Amino acid sequence: MKNTATTSEARANPYLYAGYTYDKEIEQYYLMARYYEPEQGVFTAYDPDPGDEDAPQTMNGYNYADNNPVMYVDPDGNWAGPIIRGVAWAWKASKPVRSKAWKSVKKKSGKVKKWSKGWSSRAPQYWKAKYISVKSGGKIKTTKSGKGYVISKNNKQVRVMGRNSGSRKKPYYRMTDKNGAYAKNGKRSSDKSKTHINLHKNWKKKMLTNFLK
């Protein structure tokens, strides 16, 4: 069933939730990484981020913000971050008929994105992930769950995850490539108790750096 009411509202007001813009030419919302079709109420493309094995809710390519749009927004399609009180207030206070209010909401949404990145960068696991990235020359980004970081190079990945990621309470790291995951001894394994390695003070930073090279 087509949602024509939603489409009519979209034409009248080009800005939606989290400041996403309505493209009048193709009649879809641009969500940075993909488009949303308001008549059918669906995304027209698969999410480019595959998600995390340790957080299954992030692996559905047609979900938005870990399937929790009430508590999270996904600014660029690669990271779901929390909606803080300031943005919620701005959203309530704004009215679709007032363009100035919508500009204010967009501006506040941008501040939330910067705040979220700043908060994440202070997490202890960030500095470990950053070290590996710099030493190996790998590309670093926040995981889709927002609970850790992934460093990629040469079709290999090292994940540095924080507390309460997946079913684990302690921070850990994980090494993977196209053949699977690896244990601390460098051997391939499908046993998560061996491939999800506790991230403590004596973590093997040299081994992780060499793994990506």
C-alpha atoms as a PDB file:
ATOM      1  CA  MET A   1       0.000   0.000   0.000  1.00  0.00           C
ATOM      2  CA  LYS A   2       1.388   3.399  -0.976  1.00  0.00           C
ATOM      3  CA  ASN A   3       1.723   6.055   1.692  1.00  0.00           C
ATOM      4  CA  THR A   4       0.680   9.082  -0.389  1.00  0.00           C
ATOM      5  CA  ALA A   5       0.135  11.254   2.692  1.00  0.00           C
ATOM      6  CA  THR A   6       3.782  10.864   3.673  1.00  0.00           C
ATOM      7  CA  THR A   7       4.889  11.743   0.138  1.00  0.00           C
ATOM      8  CA  SER A   8       2.739  14.894   0.122  1.00  0.00           C
ATOM      9  CA  GLU A   9       4.233  15.996   3.429  1.00  0.00           C
ATOM     10  CA  ALA A  10       7.710  15.327   2.069  1.00  0.00           C
ATOM     11  CA  ARG A  11       7.094  17.601  -0.916  1.00  0.00           C
ATOM     12  CA  ALA A  12       5.914  20.401   1.382  1.00  0.00           C
ATOM     13  CA  ASN A  13       8.789  19.990   3.831  1.00  0.00           C
ATOM     14  CA  PRO A  14      12.200  18.883   2.479  1.00  0.00           C
ATOM     15  CA  TYR A  15      13.643  17.966   5.877  1.00  0.00           C
ATOM     16  CA  LEU A  16      12.764  14.870   7.869  1.00  0.00           C
ATOM     17  CA  TYR A  17      13.967  13.079  10.986  1.00  0.00           C
ATOM     18  CA  ALA A  18      17.666  13.808  11.772  1.00  0.00           C
ATOM     19  CA  GLY A  19      17.765  16.467   9.059  1.00  0.00           C
ATOM     20  CA  TYR A  20      17.659  14.130   6.047  1.00  0.00           C
ATOM     21  CA  THR A  21      16.772  15.877   2.778  1.00  0.00           C
ATOM     22  CA  TYR A  22      13.947  15.020   0.386  1.00  0.00           C
ATOM     23  CA  ASP A  23      15.037  14.891  -3.261  1.00  0.00           C
ATOM     24  CA  LYS A  24      12.072  16.170  -5.308  1.00  0.00           C
ATOM     25  CA  GLU A  25      13.468  14.889  -8.603  1.00  0.00           C
ATOM     26  CA  ILE A  26      13.439  11.227  -7.609  1.00  0.00           C
ATOM     27  CA  GLU A  27      10.908  11.644  -4.752  1.00  0.00           C
ATOM     28  CA  GLN A  28      13.104   9.948  -2.156  1.00  0.00           C
ATOM     29  CA  TYR A  29      14.956  10.915   1.016  1.00  0.00           C
ATOM     30  CA  TYR A  30      18.742  11.005   0.861  1.00  0.00           C
ATOM     31  CA  LEU A  31      20.183   9.268   3.944  1.00  0.00           C
ATOM     32  CA  MET A  32      23.853   9.754   3.008  1.00  0.00           C
ATOM     33  CA  ALA A  33      24.621   6.078   2.344  1.00  0.00           C
ATOM     34  CA  ARG A  34      21.332   5.167   0.605  1.00  0.00           C
ATOM     35  CA  TYR A  35      17.869   6.438  -0.336  1.00  0.00           C
ATOM     36  CA  TYR A  36      14.528   5.984   1.445  1.00  0.00           C
ATOM     37  CA  GLU A  37      11.314   5.753  -0.606  1.00  0.00           C
ATOM     38  CA  PRO A  38       8.468   7.310   1.476  1.00  0.00           C
ATOM     39  CA  GLU A  39       5.519   5.998  -0.578  1.00  0.00           C
ATOM     40  CA  GLN A  40       6.431   2.361   0.056  1.00  0.00           C
ATOM     41  CA  GLY A  41       8.185   3.086   3.354  1.00  0.00           C
ATOM     42  CA  VAL A  42      11.335   1.153   2.389  1.00  0.00           C
ATOM     43  CA  PHE A  43      15.015   1.677   1.614  1.00  0.00           C
ATOM     44  CA  THR A  44      15.861   1.275  -2.065  1.00  0.00           C
ATOM     45  CA  ALA A  45      19.330  -0.129  -1.412  1.00  0.00           C
ATOM     46  CA  TYR A  46      21.133  -2.409   1.003  1.00  0.00           C
ATOM     47  CA  ASP A  47      23.119  -0.798   3.829  1.00  0.00           C
ATOM     48  CA  PRO A  48      26.793  -0.649   2.683  1.00  0.00           C
ATOM     49  CA  ASP A  49      28.007  -1.509   6.182  1.00  0.00           C
ATOM     50  CA  PRO A  50      27.644  -5.286   6.786  1.00  0.00           C
ATOM     51  CA  GLY A  51      27.338  -4.884  10.568  1.00  0.00           C
ATOM     52  CA  ASP A  52      28.982  -6.820  13.389  1.00  0.00           C
ATOM     53  CA  GLU A  53      28.758 -10.546  14.053  1.00  0.00           C
ATOM     54  CA  ASP A  54      28.725  -9.806  17.776  1.00  0.00           C
ATOM     55  CA  ALA A  55      25.672  -7.566  17.420  1.00  0.00           C
ATOM     56  CA  PRO A  56      23.238  -9.449  15.110  1.00  0.00           C
ATOM     57  CA  GLN A  57      20.737  -6.582  15.054  1.00  0.00           C
ATOM     58  CA  THR A  58      23.255  -4.566  13.014  1.00  0.00           C
ATOM     59  CA  MET A  59      23.478  -7.168  10.225  1.00  0.00           C
ATOM     60  CA  ASN A  60      20.037  -6.597   8.673  1.00  0.00           C
ATOM     61  CA  GLY A  61      20.838  -4.476   5.629  1.00  0.00           C
ATOM     62  CA  TYR A  62      17.394  -2.873   5.542  1.00  0.00           C
ATOM     63  CA  ASN A  63      17.281  -1.741   9.166  1.00  0.00           C
ATOM     64  CA  TYR A  64      17.936   1.840  10.255  1.00  0.00           C
ATOM     65  CA  ALA A  65      20.119   2.739  13.273  1.00  0.00           C
ATOM     66  CA  ASP A  66      20.299  -0.812  14.646  1.00  0.00           C
ATOM     67  CA  ASN A  67      16.499  -1.025  14.243  1.00  0.00           C
ATOM     68  CA  ASN A  68      16.082   1.486  17.076  1.00  0.00           C
ATOM     69  CA  PRO A  69      15.270   4.907  15.525  1.00  0.00           C
ATOM     70  CA  VAL A  70      13.737   6.162  18.781  1.00  0.00           C
ATOM     71  CA  MET A  71      17.089   6.137  20.593  1.00  0.00           C
ATOM     72  CA  TYR A  72      19.595   6.380  17.728  1.00  0.00           C
ATOM     73  CA  VAL A  73      20.326   8.239  14.501  1.00  0.00           C
ATOM     74  CA  ASP A  74      22.687   7.130  11.738  1.00  0.00           C
ATOM     75  CA  PRO A  75      24.333  10.293  10.317  1.00  0.00           C
ATOM     76  CA  ASP A  76      26.322   8.688   7.491  1.00  0.00           C
ATOM     77  CA  GLY A  77      25.061   5.100   7.244  1.00  0.00           C
ATOM     78  CA  ASN A  78      28.086   3.678   9.016  1.00  0.00           C
ATOM     79  CA  TRP A  79      27.530   4.543  12.651  1.00  0.00           C
ATOM     80  CA  ALA A  80      24.440   4.662  14.871  1.00  0.00           C
ATOM     81  CA  GLY A  81      24.768   7.219  17.649  1.00  0.00           C
ATOM     82  CA  PRO A  82      22.532   8.302  20.553  1.00  0.00           C
ATOM     83  CA  ILE A  83      20.036  11.152  20.331  1.00  0.00           C
ATOM     84  CA  ILE A  84      20.843  13.487  23.187  1.00  0.00           C
ATOM     85  CA  ARG A  85      18.282  15.618  24.960  1.00  0.00           C
ATOM     86  CA  GLY A  86      19.228  18.810  23.121  1.00  0.00           C
ATOM     87  CA  VAL A  87      18.314  17.399  19.734  1.00  0.00           C
ATOM     88  CA  ALA A  88      15.091  15.868  21.033  1.00  0.00           C
ATOM     89  CA  TRP A  89      14.146  19.277  22.404  1.00  0.00           C
ATOM     90  CA  ALA A  90      15.018  21.004  19.125  1.00  0.00           C
ATOM     91  CA  TRP A  91      12.908  18.520  17.196  1.00  0.00           C
ATOM     92  CA  LYS A  92       9.875  19.120  19.431  1.00  0.00           C
ATOM     93  CA  ALA A  93      10.250  22.864  19.294  1.00  0.00           C
ATOM     94  CA  SER A  94      10.597  23.053  15.519  1.00  0.00           C
ATOM     95  CA  LYS A  95       7.639  23.320  13.137  1.00  0.00           C
ATOM     96  CA  PRO A  96       7.656  22.111   9.501  1.00  0.00           C
ATOM     97  CA  VAL A  97       6.179  25.391   8.262  1.00  0.00           C
ATOM     98  CA  ARG A  98       9.057  27.469   9.627  1.00  0.00           C
ATOM     99  CA  SER A  99      12.234  27.113   7.589  1.00  0.00           C
ATOM    100  CA  LYS A 100      14.340  28.813  10.278  1.00  0.00           C
ATOM    101  CA  ALA A 101      13.362  26.164  12.798  1.00  0.00           C
ATOM    102  CA  TRP A 102      14.360  23.392  10.399  1.00  0.00           C
ATOM    103  CA  LYS A 103      17.726  25.038   9.791  1.00  0.00           C
ATOM    104  CA  SER A 104      18.236  25.115  13.552  1.00  0.00           C
ATOM    105  CA  VAL A 105      17.445  21.404  13.820  1.00  0.00           C
ATOM    106  CA  LYS A 106      19.924  20.601  11.057  1.00  0.00           C
ATOM    107  CA  LYS A 107      22.585  22.651  12.814  1.00  0.00           C
ATOM    108  CA  LYS A 108      21.979  20.892  16.135  1.00  0.00           C
ATOM    109  CA  SER A 109      22.059  17.496  14.406  1.00  0.00           C
ATOM    110  CA  GLY A 110      25.496  18.378  13.069  1.00  0.00           C
ATOM    111  CA  LYS A 111      26.661  19.228  16.585  1.00  0.00           C
ATOM    112  CA  VAL A 112      25.425  15.870  17.846  1.00  0.00           C
ATOM    113  CA  LYS A 113      27.487  14.092  15.212  1.00  0.00           C
ATOM    114  CA  LYS A 114      30.615  15.986  16.314  1.00  0.00           C
ATOM    115  CA  TRP A 115      29.805  15.350  19.976  1.00  0.00           C
ATOM    116  CA  SER A 116      29.308  11.639  19.361  1.00  0.00           C
ATOM    117  CA  LYS A 117      32.637  11.331  17.570  1.00  0.00           C
ATOM    118  CA  GLY A 118      34.369  13.253  20.348  1.00  0.00           C
ATOM    119  CA  TRP A 119      32.871  11.023  23.015  1.00  0.00           C
ATOM    120  CA  SER A 120      33.823   7.859  21.157  1.00  0.00           C
ATOM    121  CA  SER A 121      37.389   9.043  20.628  1.00  0.00           C
ATOM    122  CA  ARG A 122      37.878   9.242  24.390  1.00  0.00           C
ATOM    123  CA  ALA A 123      37.067   5.560  24.892  1.00  0.00           C
ATOM    124  CA  PRO A 124      40.177   3.546  25.946  1.00  0.00           C
ATOM    125  CA  GLN A 125      39.850   1.114  23.052  1.00  0.00           C
ATOM    126  CA  TYR A 126      39.997   4.012  20.589  1.00  0.00           C
ATOM    127  CA  TRP A 127      43.643   4.737  21.353  1.00  0.00           C
ATOM    128  CA  LYS A 128      44.564   1.088  20.926  1.00  0.00           C
ATOM    129  CA  ALA A 129      42.746   0.969  17.593  1.00  0.00           C
ATOM    130  CA  LYS A 130      44.367   4.240  16.542  1.00  0.00           C
ATOM    131  CA  TYR A 131      47.815   2.885  17.402  1.00  0.00           C
ATOM    132  CA  ILE A 132      47.244  -0.193  15.224  1.00  0.00           C
ATOM    133  CA  SER A 133      45.925   1.989  12.400  1.00  0.00           C
ATOM    134  CA  VAL A 134      48.939   4.324  12.436  1.00  0.00           C
ATOM    135  CA  LYS A 135      51.539   1.567  12.733  1.00  0.00           C
ATOM    136  CA  SER A 136      50.001  -0.679  10.077  1.00  0.00           C
ATOM    137  CA  GLY A 137      48.711   1.999   7.719  1.00  0.00           C
ATOM    138  CA  GLY A 138      45.228   0.499   7.952  1.00  0.00           C
ATOM    139  CA  LYS A 139      41.958   2.408   7.676  1.00  0.00           C
ATOM    140  CA  ILE A 140      40.059   2.881  10.942  1.00  0.00           C
ATOM    141  CA  LYS A 141      36.321   3.412  11.417  1.00  0.00           C
ATOM    142  CA  THR A 142      33.717   3.010  14.131  1.00  0.00           C
ATOM    143  CA  THR A 143      31.823  -0.287  14.093  1.00  0.00           C
ATOM    144  CA  LYS A 144      28.141  -0.114  13.231  1.00  0.00           C
ATOM    145  CA  SER A 145      27.158  -1.001  16.791  1.00  0.00           C
ATOM    146  CA  GLY A 146      29.141   2.009  18.030  1.00  0.00           C
ATOM    147  CA  LYS A 147      30.880  -0.154  20.639  1.00  0.00           C
ATOM    148  CA  GLY A 148      34.292  -0.429  19.044  1.00  0.00           C
ATOM    149  CA  TYR A 149      36.541   0.135  16.056  1.00  0.00           C
ATOM    150  CA  VAL A 150      37.644  -1.840  13.028  1.00  0.00           C
ATOM    151  CA  ILE A 151      40.992  -1.406  11.273  1.00  0.00           C
ATOM    152  CA  SER A 152      41.147  -2.718   7.695  1.00  0.00           C
ATOM    153  CA  LYS A 153      44.011  -3.368   5.289  1.00  0.00           C
ATOM    154  CA  ASN A 154      44.824  -5.932   2.581  1.00  0.00           C
ATOM    155  CA  ASN A 155      41.439  -7.688   3.031  1.00  0.00           C
ATOM    156  CA  LYS A 156      42.239  -8.194   6.714  1.00  0.00           C
ATOM    157  CA  GLN A 157      40.529  -6.715   9.746  1.00  0.00           C
ATOM    158  CA  VAL A 158      41.269  -6.177  13.415  1.00  0.00           C
ATOM    159  CA  ARG A 159      38.291  -5.300  15.611  1.00  0.00           C
ATOM    160  CA  VAL A 160      38.900  -3.563  18.930  1.00  0.00           C
ATOM    161  CA  MET A 161      35.674  -3.767  20.920  1.00  0.00           C
ATOM    162  CA  GLY A 162      34.538  -2.211  24.187  1.00  0.00           C
ATOM    163  CA  ARG A 163      32.651  -3.683  27.135  1.00  0.00           C
ATOM    164  CA  ASN A 164      29.282  -5.397  26.646  1.00  0.00           C
ATOM    165  CA  SER A 165      29.782  -5.942  22.936  1.00  0.00           C
ATOM    166  CA  GLY A 166      27.789  -8.943  21.794  1.00  0.00           C
ATOM    167  CA  SER A 167      27.765 -11.501  24.605  1.00  0.00           C
ATOM    168  CA  ARG A 168      31.081 -10.402  26.148  1.00  0.00           C
ATOM    169  CA  LYS A 169      31.355  -8.165  29.204  1.00  0.00           C
ATOM    170  CA  LYS A 170      35.067  -7.355  28.815  1.00  0.00           C
ATOM    171  CA  PRO A 171      36.804  -5.415  26.001  1.00  0.00           C
ATOM    172  CA  TYR A 172      38.400  -7.644  23.374  1.00  0.00           C
ATOM    173  CA  TYR A 173      40.062  -7.719  19.967  1.00  0.00           C
ATOM    174  CA  ARG A 174      39.549 -10.025  17.002  1.00  0.00           C
ATOM    175  CA  MET A 175      41.598 -10.762  13.869  1.00  0.00           C
ATOM    176  CA  THR A 176      39.907 -11.871  10.637  1.00  0.00           C
ATOM    177  CA  ASP A 177      40.572 -12.230   6.925  1.00  0.00           C
ATOM    178  CA  LYS A 178      38.788 -13.917   4.006  1.00  0.00           C
ATOM    179  CA  ASN A 179      39.630 -17.334   5.478  1.00  0.00           C
ATOM    180  CA  GLY A 180      38.088 -16.697   8.897  1.00  0.00           C
ATOM    181  CA  ALA A 181      39.123 -15.639  12.409  1.00  0.00           C
ATOM    182  CA  TYR A 182      42.394 -16.251  14.235  1.00  0.00           C
ATOM    183  CA  ALA A 183      43.338 -17.137  17.805  1.00  0.00           C
ATOM    184  CA  LYS A 184      46.110 -15.442  19.803  1.00  0.00           C
ATOM    185  CA  ASN A 185      48.593 -18.115  18.701  1.00  0.00           C
ATOM    186  CA  GLY A 186      48.044 -17.116  15.066  1.00  0.00           C
ATOM    187  CA  LYS A 187      46.107 -20.243  14.107  1.00  0.00           C
ATOM    188  CA  ARG A 188      42.715 -20.088  12.407  1.00  0.00           C
ATOM    189  CA  SER A 189      39.778 -21.036  14.627  1.00  0.00           C
ATOM    190  CA  SER A 190      35.971 -20.955  14.652  1.00  0.00           C
ATOM    191  CA  ASP A 191      35.876 -21.014  18.451  1.00  0.00           C
ATOM    192  CA  LYS A 192      34.842 -17.541  19.646  1.00  0.00           C
ATOM    193  CA  SER A 193      36.301 -18.180  23.078  1.00  0.00           C
ATOM    194  CA  LYS A 194      39.699 -18.271  21.340  1.00  0.00           C
ATOM    195  CA  THR A 195      39.218 -15.645  18.630  1.00  0.00           C
ATOM    196  CA  HIS A 196      37.612 -13.032  20.918  1.00  0.00           C
ATOM    197  CA  ILE A 197      40.752 -12.178  22.878  1.00  0.00           C
ATOM    198  CA  ASN A 198      40.573 -10.132  26.081  1.00  0.00           C
ATOM    199  CA  LEU A 199      41.941  -6.620  25.654  1.00  0.00           C
ATOM    200  CA  HIS A 200      44.051  -6.094  28.776  1.00  0.00           C
ATOM    201  CA  LYS A 201      47.207  -4.114  29.589  1.00  0.00           C
ATOM    202  CA  ASN A 202      49.481  -6.696  27.974  1.00  0.00           C
ATOM    203  CA  TRP A 203      47.633  -6.754  24.656  1.00  0.00           C
ATOM    204  CA  LYS A 204      49.658  -7.897  21.646  1.00  0.00           C
ATOM    205  CA  LYS A 205      49.919  -4.612  19.754  1.00  0.00           C
ATOM    206  CA  LYS A 206      52.925  -5.716  17.692  1.00  0.00           C
ATOM    207  CA  MET A 207      51.194  -8.936  16.647  1.00  0.00           C
ATOM    208  CA  LEU A 208      48.039  -7.053  15.589  1.00  0.00           C
ATOM    209  CA  THR A 209      50.058  -4.516  13.622  1.00  0.00           C
ATOM    210  CA  ASN A 210      52.002  -7.251  11.820  1.00  0.00           C
ATOM    211  CA  PHE A 211      48.779  -9.155  11.080  1.00  0.00           C
ATOM    212  CA  LEU A 212      47.522  -6.283   8.912  1.00  0.00           C
ATOM    213  CA  LYS A 213      50.799  -5.732   7.046  1.00  0.00           C
END
